[in-house]
Amino acid sequence: MQLLNNLGNLFIKQRIGQIDHFRSNPEDVQEKCLINLVQTARNTEYGRKFNFA
């Protein structure tokens, strides 16, 4: 049970760190997300049609 609690606490601490980063740097996080989405979509029919390359 202690191991499960330790793993849960580790996950929660990491997630809180991510959330704090998102709240502190919303523009940076959104830009990275947009770039990732465009790069992922560049080889789709839609991406090729609208030059996502």
C-alpha atoms as a PDB file:
ATOM      1  CA  MET A   1       0.000   0.000   0.000  1.00  0.00           C
ATOM      2  CA  GLN A   2       2.868   2.360   0.829  1.00  0.00           C
ATOM      3  CA  LEU A   3       4.375   1.760  -2.609  1.00  0.00           C
ATOM      4  CA  LEU A   4       1.076   2.662  -4.242  1.00  0.00           C
ATOM      5  CA  ASN A   5       0.879   5.863  -2.196  1.00  0.00           C
ATOM      6  CA  ASN A   6       4.456   6.795  -3.126  1.00  0.00           C
ATOM      7  CA  LEU A   7       3.761   6.239  -6.828  1.00  0.00           C
ATOM      8  CA  GLY A   8       0.565   8.285  -6.591  1.00  0.00           C
ATOM      9  CA  ASN A   9       2.390  11.123  -4.843  1.00  0.00           C
ATOM     10  CA  LEU A  10       5.147  11.097  -7.463  1.00  0.00           C
ATOM     11  CA  PHE A  11       2.589  11.302 -10.265  1.00  0.00           C
ATOM     12  CA  ILE A  12       0.705  14.127  -8.568  1.00  0.00           C
ATOM     13  CA  LYS A  13       3.890  16.143  -7.947  1.00  0.00           C
ATOM     14  CA  GLN A  14       4.918  15.791 -11.583  1.00  0.00           C
ATOM     15  CA  ARG A  15       1.459  16.757 -12.801  1.00  0.00           C
ATOM     16  CA  ILE A  16       1.332  19.813 -10.528  1.00  0.00           C
ATOM     17  CA  GLY A  17       4.696  20.875 -11.955  1.00  0.00           C
ATOM     18  CA  GLN A  18       3.314  20.601 -15.472  1.00  0.00           C
ATOM     19  CA  ILE A  19       0.208  22.581 -14.577  1.00  0.00           C
ATOM     20  CA  ASP A  20       2.315  25.306 -12.946  1.00  0.00           C
ATOM     21  CA  HIS A  21       4.414  25.514 -16.123  1.00  0.00           C
ATOM     22  CA  PHE A  22       1.271  25.782 -18.271  1.00  0.00           C
ATOM     23  CA  ARG A  23      -0.100  28.554 -16.071  1.00  0.00           C
ATOM     24  CA  SER A  24       3.199  30.457 -16.035  1.00  0.00           C
ATOM     25  CA  ASN A  25       3.911  30.164 -19.772  1.00  0.00           C
ATOM     26  CA  PRO A  26       0.597  29.905 -21.640  1.00  0.00           C
ATOM     27  CA  GLU A  27       1.855  31.466 -24.875  1.00  0.00           C
ATOM     28  CA  ASP A  28       4.898  29.200 -25.042  1.00  0.00           C
ATOM     29  CA  VAL A  29       2.835  26.092 -24.297  1.00  0.00           C
ATOM     30  CA  GLN A  30       0.211  26.993 -26.904  1.00  0.00           C
ATOM     31  CA  GLU A  31       2.850  27.761 -29.532  1.00  0.00           C
ATOM     32  CA  LYS A  32       4.545  24.408 -28.954  1.00  0.00           C
ATOM     33  CA  CYS A  33       1.182  22.662 -29.143  1.00  0.00           C
ATOM     34  CA  LEU A  34       0.307  24.436 -32.411  1.00  0.00           C
ATOM     35  CA  ILE A  35       3.679  23.575 -33.958  1.00  0.00           C
ATOM     36  CA  ASN A  36       3.239  19.950 -32.942  1.00  0.00           C
ATOM     37  CA  LEU A  37      -0.260  19.821 -34.457  1.00  0.00           C
ATOM     38  CA  VAL A  38       0.884  21.405 -37.739  1.00  0.00           C
ATOM     39  CA  GLN A  39       3.869  19.061 -37.999  1.00  0.00           C
ATOM     40  CA  THR A  40       1.652  16.072 -37.317  1.00  0.00           C
ATOM     41  CA  ALA A  41      -0.878  17.194 -39.942  1.00  0.00           C
ATOM     42  CA  ARG A  42       1.610  18.091 -42.680  1.00  0.00           C
ATOM     43  CA  ASN A  43       1.455  14.656 -44.284  1.00  0.00           C
ATOM     44  CA  THR A  44      -2.321  14.469 -44.306  1.00  0.00           C
ATOM     45  CA  GLU A  45      -4.424  15.354 -47.326  1.00  0.00           C
ATOM     46  CA  TYR A  46      -5.483  18.590 -45.602  1.00  0.00           C
ATOM     47  CA  GLY A  47      -1.892  19.442 -44.656  1.00  0.00           C
ATOM     48  CA  ARG A  48      -0.659  18.936 -48.198  1.00  0.00           C
ATOM     49  CA  LYS A  49      -3.547  20.970 -49.606  1.00  0.00           C
ATOM     50  CA  PHE A  50      -2.773  23.950 -47.355  1.00  0.00           C
ATOM     51  CA  ASN A  51       1.035  23.597 -47.366  1.00  0.00           C
ATOM     52  CA  PHE A  52       1.676  22.674 -43.734  1.00  0.00           C
ATOM     53  CA  ALA A  53       5.193  21.519 -44.651  1.00  0.00           C
END
